[in-house]
Amino acid sequence: MGHQWQAIGKTVCGAAHKRAGLTNQDSITWYPILEPGPPLVMAISDGHGSAKSFRSHWGSAFAVETAREVIREVFKPPPTLISRTDLSNVKRLLEERLPGELVRNWAARVSAHFEHYPFTHAELEKMASGDSAGSLESLEENPLLAYGATLITILVTQDYIAYAQLGDGDILIVSDTGGVSRPLPDDERLFANETTSLCIKDAWSDFRTGFQVLTNSPPALMLVSTDGYSNSFLDETNFLKVGSDLLEMLRAEGLQKISASLYGWLDQASQEGSGDDITLGIICCMDALQGGAE
């Protein structure tokens, strides 16, 4: 019998955004919601929230909905893969087909929304007052800029884990012994407030992907978060420690209790740290909690 996986997660409006009267630009979803997987899909997205991207809360919502549906459509092999050829084909789908499908489907959702709800005078006026006139011109050429957002998504099956990321944010893998690592290489273009995005030309080519064949020792946890979370820590070492700390707490207190505590933890992290919106999703291998509280 294979491993069972369960997901929990929360998103909070940033302390600075609350003070400015702004809405939460982050989004998160996973499937299945209450039942364990595999298969299990999780997606998070960080809307840019800049003056130009004044509809990025919609953009992030469309991004996670797109990921949840497109991944289930693209990866349709039988529940159990039995050959290396099967796995090679899945890896090829991840690298060569999925990014393009995600971008195309997101753009279609955004375009449909824009067609039904064209930019209002108030939106354009507010954007122009906080940005340059050149932004108005670029927005006329590419309305998708108003919906700009990042995307991180994970698919867990009985045989493999697939990772895909566009833009900033973090994925942490926690082993059964508490070791923490990152499954994807860094993107050197992500610095300061710059990030790659679903709204830019050829966005599909900016995706980073990772493919992990599952063995008898799968990850205990996978953490996926928007950059507002890591930016709330003093340094990388302190941020990575979250992975091992969460594993200990999950074993001691159980999944439901930790889920109930997440909102308060993230809200406090934003208040004392980045001030930004924060989203955190956790995918847990239930075998890793054996011996802990339920």
C-alpha atoms as a PDB file:
ATOM      1  CA  MET A   1       0.000   0.000   0.000  1.00  0.00           C
ATOM      2  CA  GLY A   2       1.306   3.453  -0.907  1.00  0.00           C
ATOM      3  CA  HIS A   3       1.770   6.483   1.277  1.00  0.00           C
ATOM      4  CA  GLN A   4      -1.101   8.807   2.142  1.00  0.00           C
ATOM      5  CA  TRP A   5      -0.695  12.577   1.884  1.00  0.00           C
ATOM      6  CA  GLN A   6      -2.745  15.350   3.468  1.00  0.00           C
ATOM      7  CA  ALA A   7      -2.630  19.101   2.799  1.00  0.00           C
ATOM      8  CA  ILE A   8      -3.311  22.131   4.973  1.00  0.00           C
ATOM      9  CA  GLY A   9      -2.665  25.812   4.351  1.00  0.00           C
ATOM     10  CA  LYS A  10      -3.600  29.409   5.046  1.00  0.00           C
ATOM     11  CA  THR A  11      -3.184  32.851   3.497  1.00  0.00           C
ATOM     12  CA  VAL A  12      -3.213  36.148   5.421  1.00  0.00           C
ATOM     13  CA  CYS A  13      -3.373  39.777   4.341  1.00  0.00           C
ATOM     14  CA  GLY A  14      -0.111  41.547   5.112  1.00  0.00           C
ATOM     15  CA  ALA A  15       0.116  43.984   8.006  1.00  0.00           C
ATOM     16  CA  ALA A  16       1.288  46.764   5.684  1.00  0.00           C
ATOM     17  CA  HIS A  17      -1.521  46.024   3.236  1.00  0.00           C
ATOM     18  CA  LYS A  18      -4.106  46.203   6.019  1.00  0.00           C
ATOM     19  CA  ARG A  19      -2.789  49.617   7.063  1.00  0.00           C
ATOM     20  CA  ALA A  20      -3.000  50.806   3.467  1.00  0.00           C
ATOM     21  CA  GLY A  21      -6.519  49.447   3.014  1.00  0.00           C
ATOM     22  CA  LEU A  22      -5.423  46.886   0.422  1.00  0.00           C
ATOM     23  CA  THR A  23      -6.734  43.365  -0.080  1.00  0.00           C
ATOM     24  CA  ASN A  24      -4.741  40.139   0.118  1.00  0.00           C
ATOM     25  CA  GLN A  25      -3.001  39.566  -3.235  1.00  0.00           C
ATOM     26  CA  ASP A  26      -2.073  35.914  -2.455  1.00  0.00           C
ATOM     27  CA  SER A  27      -4.081  32.797  -3.254  1.00  0.00           C
ATOM     28  CA  ILE A  28      -3.851  29.113  -2.337  1.00  0.00           C
ATOM     29  CA  THR A  29      -5.757  25.963  -3.254  1.00  0.00           C
ATOM     30  CA  TRP A  30      -5.272  22.218  -3.158  1.00  0.00           C
ATOM     31  CA  TYR A  31      -7.101  19.078  -4.225  1.00  0.00           C
ATOM     32  CA  PRO A  32      -8.522  17.019  -2.672  1.00  0.00           C
ATOM     33  CA  ILE A  33      -9.561  19.495   0.018  1.00  0.00           C
ATOM     34  CA  LEU A  34     -10.428  17.160   2.894  1.00  0.00           C
ATOM     35  CA  GLU A  35      -9.601  13.642   1.744  1.00  0.00           C
ATOM     36  CA  PRO A  36      -6.028  12.333   1.621  1.00  0.00           C
ATOM     37  CA  GLY A  37      -4.174  11.760  -1.626  1.00  0.00           C
ATOM     38  CA  PRO A  38      -2.467  10.704  -3.796  1.00  0.00           C
ATOM     39  CA  PRO A  39      -2.913  12.202  -6.216  1.00  0.00           C
ATOM     40  CA  LEU A  40      -2.670  15.566  -4.464  1.00  0.00           C
ATOM     41  CA  VAL A  41      -2.222  18.966  -6.104  1.00  0.00           C
ATOM     42  CA  MET A  42      -1.314  22.183  -4.283  1.00  0.00           C
ATOM     43  CA  ALA A  43      -0.835  25.643  -5.807  1.00  0.00           C
ATOM     44  CA  ILE A  44      -0.039  29.077  -4.398  1.00  0.00           C
ATOM     45  CA  SER A  45       0.270  32.408  -6.163  1.00  0.00           C
ATOM     46  CA  ASP A  46       1.494  35.875  -5.197  1.00  0.00           C
ATOM     47  CA  GLY A  47      -0.167  38.767  -7.027  1.00  0.00           C
ATOM     48  CA  HIS A  48       2.301  41.579  -7.650  1.00  0.00           C
ATOM     49  CA  GLY A  49       0.174  44.295  -6.065  1.00  0.00           C
ATOM     50  CA  SER A  50       2.097  47.094  -7.785  1.00  0.00           C
ATOM     51  CA  ALA A  51       0.340  50.145  -9.195  1.00  0.00           C
ATOM     52  CA  LYS A  52       0.414  48.557 -12.647  1.00  0.00           C
ATOM     53  CA  SER A  53      -0.853  45.178 -11.409  1.00  0.00           C
ATOM     54  CA  PHE A  54      -3.990  46.542  -9.769  1.00  0.00           C
ATOM     55  CA  ARG A  55      -5.968  43.364 -10.484  1.00  0.00           C
ATOM     56  CA  SER A  56      -3.329  40.931  -9.263  1.00  0.00           C
ATOM     57  CA  HIS A  57      -5.650  39.542  -6.566  1.00  0.00           C
ATOM     58  CA  TRP A  58      -7.716  38.226  -9.474  1.00  0.00           C
ATOM     59  CA  GLY A  59      -4.571  37.116 -11.267  1.00  0.00           C
ATOM     60  CA  SER A  60      -3.417  35.005  -8.327  1.00  0.00           C
ATOM     61  CA  ALA A  61      -6.866  33.470  -7.878  1.00  0.00           C
ATOM     62  CA  PHE A  62      -6.966  32.517 -11.560  1.00  0.00           C
ATOM     63  CA  ALA A  63      -3.433  31.126 -11.286  1.00  0.00           C
ATOM     64  CA  VAL A  64      -4.174  28.606  -8.534  1.00  0.00           C
ATOM     65  CA  GLU A  65      -7.472  27.569 -10.117  1.00  0.00           C
ATOM     66  CA  THR A  66      -5.659  27.048 -13.409  1.00  0.00           C
ATOM     67  CA  ALA A  67      -2.941  24.935 -11.794  1.00  0.00           C
ATOM     68  CA  ARG A  68      -5.430  22.740  -9.935  1.00  0.00           C
ATOM     69  CA  GLU A  69      -7.358  21.960 -13.108  1.00  0.00           C
ATOM     70  CA  VAL A  70      -4.581  21.879 -15.720  1.00  0.00           C
ATOM     71  CA  ILE A  71      -2.344  19.541 -13.729  1.00  0.00           C
ATOM     72  CA  ARG A  72      -5.154  17.044 -13.276  1.00  0.00           C
ATOM     73  CA  GLU A  73      -5.768  17.213 -17.033  1.00  0.00           C
ATOM     74  CA  VAL A  74      -2.139  16.979 -18.186  1.00  0.00           C
ATOM     75  CA  PHE A  75      -1.082  14.161 -15.862  1.00  0.00           C
ATOM     76  CA  LYS A  76      -3.620  11.458 -16.624  1.00  0.00           C
ATOM     77  CA  PRO A  77      -1.565   8.261 -16.438  1.00  0.00           C
ATOM     78  CA  PRO A  78      -2.805   5.281 -14.425  1.00  0.00           C
ATOM     79  CA  PRO A  79      -2.437   5.591 -10.637  1.00  0.00           C
ATOM     80  CA  THR A  80       0.467   3.139 -10.664  1.00  0.00           C
ATOM     81  CA  LEU A  81       3.358   3.533 -13.076  1.00  0.00           C
ATOM     82  CA  ILE A  82       5.382   0.405 -13.591  1.00  0.00           C
ATOM     83  CA  SER A  83       8.206   1.299 -15.955  1.00  0.00           C
ATOM     84  CA  ARG A  84      11.007   3.814 -16.277  1.00  0.00           C
ATOM     85  CA  THR A  85       9.582   4.716 -19.673  1.00  0.00           C
ATOM     86  CA  ASP A  86       6.339   5.832 -18.047  1.00  0.00           C
ATOM     87  CA  LEU A  87       8.248   8.024 -15.603  1.00  0.00           C
ATOM     88  CA  SER A  88      10.365   9.500 -18.390  1.00  0.00           C
ATOM     89  CA  ASN A  89       7.211  10.433 -20.282  1.00  0.00           C
ATOM     90  CA  VAL A  90       5.740  12.108 -17.205  1.00  0.00           C
ATOM     91  CA  LYS A  91       8.947  14.071 -16.656  1.00  0.00           C
ATOM     92  CA  ARG A  92       8.792  15.200 -20.276  1.00  0.00           C
ATOM     93  CA  LEU A  93       5.195  16.377 -19.796  1.00  0.00           C
ATOM     94  CA  LEU A  94       6.307  18.364 -16.760  1.00  0.00           C
ATOM     95  CA  GLU A  95       9.170  20.063 -18.541  1.00  0.00           C
ATOM     96  CA  GLU A  96       7.797  20.501 -22.057  1.00  0.00           C
ATOM     97  CA  ARG A  97       4.008  20.685 -21.883  1.00  0.00           C
ATOM     98  CA  LEU A  98       2.881  21.836 -18.439  1.00  0.00           C
ATOM     99  CA  PRO A  99       4.398  25.363 -18.408  1.00  0.00           C
ATOM    100  CA  GLY A 100       2.790  26.271 -21.719  1.00  0.00           C
ATOM    101  CA  GLU A 101      -0.579  24.843 -20.679  1.00  0.00           C
ATOM    102  CA  LEU A 102      -0.506  26.763 -17.402  1.00  0.00           C
ATOM    103  CA  VAL A 103       0.308  30.079 -19.077  1.00  0.00           C
ATOM    104  CA  ARG A 104      -2.216  29.638 -21.902  1.00  0.00           C
ATOM    105  CA  ASN A 105      -5.038  28.662 -19.575  1.00  0.00           C
ATOM    106  CA  TRP A 106      -4.268  31.467 -17.131  1.00  0.00           C
ATOM    107  CA  ALA A 107      -4.181  34.006 -19.967  1.00  0.00           C
ATOM    108  CA  ALA A 108      -7.533  32.710 -21.252  1.00  0.00           C
ATOM    109  CA  ARG A 109      -9.137  33.132 -17.821  1.00  0.00           C
ATOM    110  CA  VAL A 110      -7.712  36.625 -17.463  1.00  0.00           C
ATOM    111  CA  SER A 111      -8.799  37.640 -20.955  1.00  0.00           C
ATOM    112  CA  ALA A 112     -12.339  36.407 -20.293  1.00  0.00           C
ATOM    113  CA  HIS A 113     -12.466  38.393 -17.067  1.00  0.00           C
ATOM    114  CA  PHE A 114     -11.129  41.518 -18.787  1.00  0.00           C
ATOM    115  CA  GLU A 115     -13.682  41.155 -21.586  1.00  0.00           C
ATOM    116  CA  HIS A 116     -16.530  41.105 -19.058  1.00  0.00           C
ATOM    117  CA  TYR A 117     -14.980  43.733 -16.784  1.00  0.00           C
ATOM    118  CA  PRO A 118     -12.922  46.271 -18.756  1.00  0.00           C
ATOM    119  CA  PHE A 119     -10.657  48.585 -16.808  1.00  0.00           C
ATOM    120  CA  THR A 120     -12.592  51.356 -15.115  1.00  0.00           C
ATOM    121  CA  HIS A 121     -11.663  55.006 -15.233  1.00  0.00           C
ATOM    122  CA  ALA A 122     -11.028  54.905 -11.483  1.00  0.00           C
ATOM    123  CA  GLU A 123      -8.599  51.972 -11.837  1.00  0.00           C
ATOM    124  CA  LEU A 124      -6.624  53.637 -14.616  1.00  0.00           C
ATOM    125  CA  GLU A 125      -6.581  56.986 -12.868  1.00  0.00           C
ATOM    126  CA  LYS A 126      -5.277  55.477  -9.652  1.00  0.00           C
ATOM    127  CA  MET A 127      -2.644  53.478 -11.530  1.00  0.00           C
ATOM    128  CA  ALA A 128      -1.455  56.509 -13.488  1.00  0.00           C
ATOM    129  CA  SER A 129      -1.139  58.618 -10.346  1.00  0.00           C
ATOM    130  CA  GLY A 130       1.165  56.057  -8.795  1.00  0.00           C
ATOM    131  CA  ASP A 131       3.172  55.121 -11.836  1.00  0.00           C
ATOM    132  CA  SER A 132       4.564  56.556 -15.048  1.00  0.00           C
ATOM    133  CA  ALA A 133       2.611  57.336 -18.189  1.00  0.00           C
ATOM    134  CA  GLY A 134       4.576  54.568 -19.882  1.00  0.00           C
ATOM    135  CA  SER A 135       2.735  52.050 -17.757  1.00  0.00           C
ATOM    136  CA  LEU A 136      -0.560  53.143 -19.279  1.00  0.00           C
ATOM    137  CA  GLU A 137       0.831  52.476 -22.722  1.00  0.00           C
ATOM    138  CA  SER A 138       2.193  49.062 -21.749  1.00  0.00           C
ATOM    139  CA  LEU A 139      -1.160  48.190 -20.162  1.00  0.00           C
ATOM    140  CA  GLU A 140      -2.986  49.077 -23.367  1.00  0.00           C
ATOM    141  CA  GLU A 141      -0.656  46.758 -25.277  1.00  0.00           C
ATOM    142  CA  ASN A 142      -0.886  43.945 -22.716  1.00  0.00           C
ATOM    143  CA  PRO A 143      -3.874  44.068 -20.310  1.00  0.00           C
ATOM    144  CA  LEU A 144      -2.560  40.907 -18.628  1.00  0.00           C
ATOM    145  CA  LEU A 145      -0.028  43.112 -16.805  1.00  0.00           C
ATOM    146  CA  ALA A 146      -2.816  44.287 -14.499  1.00  0.00           C
ATOM    147  CA  TYR A 147      -3.287  40.679 -13.337  1.00  0.00           C
ATOM    148  CA  GLY A 148       0.407  39.852 -12.851  1.00  0.00           C
ATOM    149  CA  ALA A 149       1.148  36.968 -10.476  1.00  0.00           C
ATOM    150  CA  THR A 150       3.626  34.223  -9.675  1.00  0.00           C
ATOM    151  CA  LEU A 151       2.812  30.512  -9.421  1.00  0.00           C
ATOM    152  CA  ILE A 152       4.173  27.546  -7.477  1.00  0.00           C
ATOM    153  CA  THR A 153       2.532  24.147  -7.782  1.00  0.00           C
ATOM    154  CA  ILE A 154       3.233  20.607  -6.583  1.00  0.00           C
ATOM    155  CA  LEU A 155       1.744  17.302  -7.727  1.00  0.00           C
ATOM    156  CA  VAL A 156       2.156  14.264  -5.483  1.00  0.00           C
ATOM    157  CA  THR A 157       1.334  10.812  -6.841  1.00  0.00           C
ATOM    158  CA  GLN A 158       2.023   7.295  -5.638  1.00  0.00           C
ATOM    159  CA  ASP A 159       5.166   7.138  -7.762  1.00  0.00           C
ATOM    160  CA  TYR A 160       6.587  10.642  -8.082  1.00  0.00           C
ATOM    161  CA  ILE A 161       6.438  14.298  -7.051  1.00  0.00           C
ATOM    162  CA  ALA A 162       6.428  17.056  -9.689  1.00  0.00           C
ATOM    163  CA  TYR A 163       7.364  20.654  -8.868  1.00  0.00           C
ATOM    164  CA  ALA A 164       6.845  23.747 -11.028  1.00  0.00           C
ATOM    165  CA  GLN A 165       7.601  27.363 -10.121  1.00  0.00           C
ATOM    166  CA  LEU A 166       7.393  30.711 -11.885  1.00  0.00           C
ATOM    167  CA  GLY A 167       8.612  33.735  -9.954  1.00  0.00           C
ATOM    168  CA  ASP A 168       9.583  34.122  -6.327  1.00  0.00           C
ATOM    169  CA  GLY A 169       8.427  32.137  -3.305  1.00  0.00           C
ATOM    170  CA  ASP A 170       9.788  29.004  -1.668  1.00  0.00           C
ATOM    171  CA  ILE A 171       9.476  25.230  -1.657  1.00  0.00           C
ATOM    172  CA  LEU A 172      11.083  23.361   1.238  1.00  0.00           C
ATOM    173  CA  ILE A 173      11.405  19.591   1.515  1.00  0.00           C
ATOM    174  CA  VAL A 174      11.656  18.115   5.014  1.00  0.00           C
ATOM    175  CA  SER A 175      12.992  14.583   5.442  1.00  0.00           C
ATOM    176  CA  ASP A 176      11.767  12.098   8.028  1.00  0.00           C
ATOM    177  CA  THR A 177      14.794  12.995  10.166  1.00  0.00           C
ATOM    178  CA  GLY A 178      14.145  16.743   9.927  1.00  0.00           C
ATOM    179  CA  GLY A 179      16.666  17.654   7.234  1.00  0.00           C
ATOM    180  CA  VAL A 180      15.530  20.581   5.077  1.00  0.00           C
ATOM    181  CA  SER A 181      16.377  21.130   1.409  1.00  0.00           C
ATOM    182  CA  ARG A 182      15.116  22.868  -1.710  1.00  0.00           C
ATOM    183  CA  PRO A 183      14.012  20.801  -4.726  1.00  0.00           C
ATOM    184  CA  LEU A 184      14.547  23.561  -7.298  1.00  0.00           C
ATOM    185  CA  PRO A 185      17.586  25.671  -8.219  1.00  0.00           C
ATOM    186  CA  ASP A 186      17.588  29.383  -7.436  1.00  0.00           C
ATOM    187  CA  ASP A 187      16.617  31.860 -10.151  1.00  0.00           C
ATOM    188  CA  GLU A 188      19.310  34.540 -10.206  1.00  0.00           C
ATOM    189  CA  ARG A 189      16.904  37.010 -11.835  1.00  0.00           C
ATOM    190  CA  LEU A 190      14.828  37.201  -8.659  1.00  0.00           C
ATOM    191  CA  PHE A 191      16.170  40.027  -6.531  1.00  0.00           C
ATOM    192  CA  ALA A 192      14.767  43.028  -4.620  1.00  0.00           C
ATOM    193  CA  ASN A 193      11.167  43.357  -5.853  1.00  0.00           C
ATOM    194  CA  GLU A 194      11.819  41.896  -9.298  1.00  0.00           C
ATOM    195  CA  THR A 195      10.201  38.603 -10.271  1.00  0.00           C
ATOM    196  CA  THR A 196       9.246  36.605 -13.328  1.00  0.00           C
ATOM    197  CA  SER A 197       5.501  36.453 -13.890  1.00  0.00           C
ATOM    198  CA  LEU A 198       2.600  34.816 -15.697  1.00  0.00           C
ATOM    199  CA  CYS A 199       1.816  38.124 -17.400  1.00  0.00           C
ATOM    200  CA  ILE A 200       5.081  38.602 -19.316  1.00  0.00           C
ATOM    201  CA  LYS A 201       5.903  37.441 -22.829  1.00  0.00           C
ATOM    202  CA  ASP A 202       7.016  33.807 -23.142  1.00  0.00           C
ATOM    203  CA  ALA A 203       6.337  33.236 -19.437  1.00  0.00           C
ATOM    204  CA  TRP A 204       6.345  29.487 -20.043  1.00  0.00           C
ATOM    205  CA  SER A 205      10.109  29.599 -20.640  1.00  0.00           C
ATOM    206  CA  ASP A 206      10.735  31.042 -17.145  1.00  0.00           C
ATOM    207  CA  PHE A 207       9.303  28.065 -15.253  1.00  0.00           C
ATOM    208  CA  ARG A 208      11.636  25.989 -13.111  1.00  0.00           C
ATOM    209  CA  THR A 209      10.632  22.339 -12.740  1.00  0.00           C
ATOM    210  CA  GLY A 210      11.713  19.390 -10.624  1.00  0.00           C
ATOM    211  CA  PHE A 211      10.864  15.696 -10.738  1.00  0.00           C
ATOM    212  CA  GLN A 212      11.356  13.268  -7.850  1.00  0.00           C
ATOM    213  CA  VAL A 213      10.736   9.537  -8.116  1.00  0.00           C
ATOM    214  CA  LEU A 214       9.375   8.272  -4.804  1.00  0.00           C
ATOM    215  CA  THR A 215      11.132   5.461  -2.971  1.00  0.00           C
ATOM    216  CA  ASN A 216      10.570   3.850   0.411  1.00  0.00           C
ATOM    217  CA  SER A 217      11.678   7.073   2.138  1.00  0.00           C
ATOM    218  CA  PRO A 218       9.508   9.902   0.794  1.00  0.00           C
ATOM    219  CA  PRO A 219       9.671  13.444   2.199  1.00  0.00           C
ATOM    220  CA  ALA A 220       7.912  13.871   5.526  1.00  0.00           C
ATOM    221  CA  LEU A 221       6.707  17.354   4.619  1.00  0.00           C
ATOM    222  CA  MET A 222       6.667  19.752   1.699  1.00  0.00           C
ATOM    223  CA  LEU A 223       6.253  23.435   2.494  1.00  0.00           C
ATOM    224  CA  VAL A 224       5.296  25.958  -0.180  1.00  0.00           C
ATOM    225  CA  SER A 225       5.096  29.677   0.603  1.00  0.00           C
ATOM    226  CA  THR A 226       4.993  33.119  -0.961  1.00  0.00           C
ATOM    227  CA  ASP A 227       8.024  35.340  -0.419  1.00  0.00           C
ATOM    228  CA  GLY A 228       6.285  37.317   2.311  1.00  0.00           C
ATOM    229  CA  TYR A 229       7.023  34.386   4.617  1.00  0.00           C
ATOM    230  CA  SER A 230      10.759  33.928   4.021  1.00  0.00           C
ATOM    231  CA  ASN A 231      11.195  37.717   4.073  1.00  0.00           C
ATOM    232  CA  SER A 232       9.862  37.714   7.641  1.00  0.00           C
ATOM    233  CA  PHE A 233      12.948  35.852   8.902  1.00  0.00           C
ATOM    234  CA  LEU A 234      16.362  37.262   9.721  1.00  0.00           C
ATOM    235  CA  ASP A 235      18.182  34.934   7.359  1.00  0.00           C
ATOM    236  CA  GLU A 236      18.043  31.695   5.376  1.00  0.00           C
ATOM    237  CA  THR A 237      19.085  29.556   8.347  1.00  0.00           C
ATOM    238  CA  ASN A 238      16.195  30.767  10.480  1.00  0.00           C
ATOM    239  CA  PHE A 239      13.748  30.275   7.620  1.00  0.00           C
ATOM    240  CA  LEU A 240      14.896  26.719   6.884  1.00  0.00           C
ATOM    241  CA  LYS A 241      14.471  25.833  10.563  1.00  0.00           C
ATOM    242  CA  VAL A 242      10.711  26.281  10.064  1.00  0.00           C
ATOM    243  CA  GLY A 243      10.682  22.947   8.240  1.00  0.00           C
ATOM    244  CA  SER A 244      12.142  20.863  11.056  1.00  0.00           C
ATOM    245  CA  ASP A 245      10.179  22.808  13.692  1.00  0.00           C
ATOM    246  CA  LEU A 246       6.894  22.149  11.904  1.00  0.00           C
ATOM    247  CA  LEU A 247       7.659  18.444  11.628  1.00  0.00           C
ATOM    248  CA  GLU A 248       8.224  18.259  15.392  1.00  0.00           C
ATOM    249  CA  MET A 249       5.015  20.170  16.105  1.00  0.00           C
ATOM    250  CA  LEU A 250       2.966  18.049  13.718  1.00  0.00           C
ATOM    251  CA  ARG A 251       4.208  14.881  15.390  1.00  0.00           C
ATOM    252  CA  ALA A 252       3.452  16.286  18.831  1.00  0.00           C
ATOM    253  CA  GLU A 253       0.103  17.978  18.186  1.00  0.00           C
ATOM    254  CA  GLY A 254      -1.377  16.518  15.007  1.00  0.00           C
ATOM    255  CA  LEU A 255      -2.421  17.963  11.680  1.00  0.00           C
ATOM    256  CA  GLN A 256      -5.731  19.544  12.687  1.00  0.00           C
ATOM    257  CA  LYS A 257      -4.319  21.474  15.638  1.00  0.00           C
ATOM    258  CA  ILE A 258      -1.480  22.874  13.527  1.00  0.00           C
ATOM    259  CA  SER A 259      -3.971  23.813  10.800  1.00  0.00           C
ATOM    260  CA  ALA A 260      -6.026  25.752  13.337  1.00  0.00           C
ATOM    261  CA  SER A 261      -2.897  27.643  14.474  1.00  0.00           C
ATOM    262  CA  LEU A 262      -1.562  28.582  11.032  1.00  0.00           C
ATOM    263  CA  TYR A 263      -3.507  31.807  10.527  1.00  0.00           C
ATOM    264  CA  GLY A 264      -2.328  33.291  13.818  1.00  0.00           C
ATOM    265  CA  TRP A 265       1.287  32.307  13.173  1.00  0.00           C
ATOM    266  CA  LEU A 266       1.330  33.806   9.692  1.00  0.00           C
ATOM    267  CA  ASP A 267      -0.434  36.985  10.788  1.00  0.00           C
ATOM    268  CA  GLN A 268       2.143  37.467  13.536  1.00  0.00           C
ATOM    269  CA  ALA A 269       4.989  36.791  11.099  1.00  0.00           C
ATOM    270  CA  SER A 270       3.690  39.521   8.798  1.00  0.00           C
ATOM    271  CA  GLN A 271       3.262  41.999  11.654  1.00  0.00           C
ATOM    272  CA  GLU A 272       6.729  41.396  13.059  1.00  0.00           C
ATOM    273  CA  GLY A 273       8.475  40.705   9.773  1.00  0.00           C
ATOM    274  CA  SER A 274       7.837  41.551   6.129  1.00  0.00           C
ATOM    275  CA  GLY A 275       4.448  43.283   6.466  1.00  0.00           C
ATOM    276  CA  ASP A 276       3.585  41.522   3.208  1.00  0.00           C
ATOM    277  CA  ASP A 277       0.792  39.052   2.454  1.00  0.00           C
ATOM    278  CA  ILE A 278       1.866  35.569   3.531  1.00  0.00           C
ATOM    279  CA  THR A 279       0.691  32.201   2.257  1.00  0.00           C
ATOM    280  CA  LEU A 280       1.882  28.825   3.522  1.00  0.00           C
ATOM    281  CA  GLY A 281       0.823  25.399   2.297  1.00  0.00           C
ATOM    282  CA  ILE A 282       1.947  22.141   3.894  1.00  0.00           C
ATOM    283  CA  ILE A 283       1.779  18.700   2.302  1.00  0.00           C
ATOM    284  CA  CYS A 284       2.346  15.986   4.890  1.00  0.00           C
ATOM    285  CA  CYS A 285       3.151  12.317   4.425  1.00  0.00           C
ATOM    286  CA  MET A 286       0.862  10.840   7.069  1.00  0.00           C
ATOM    287  CA  ASP A 287       3.288   8.000   7.780  1.00  0.00           C
ATOM    288  CA  ALA A 288       5.698  10.656   9.087  1.00  0.00           C
ATOM    289  CA  LEU A 289       3.247  11.504  11.871  1.00  0.00           C
ATOM    290  CA  GLN A 290       3.052   7.984  13.275  1.00  0.00           C
ATOM    291  CA  GLY A 291       3.436   8.078  17.004  1.00  0.00           C
ATOM    292  CA  GLY A 292       2.282  11.711  17.174  1.00  0.00           C
ATOM    293  CA  ALA A 293      -1.017  13.118  18.326  1.00  0.00           C
ATOM    294  CA  GLU A 294      -3.982  12.992  16.002  1.00  0.00           C
END
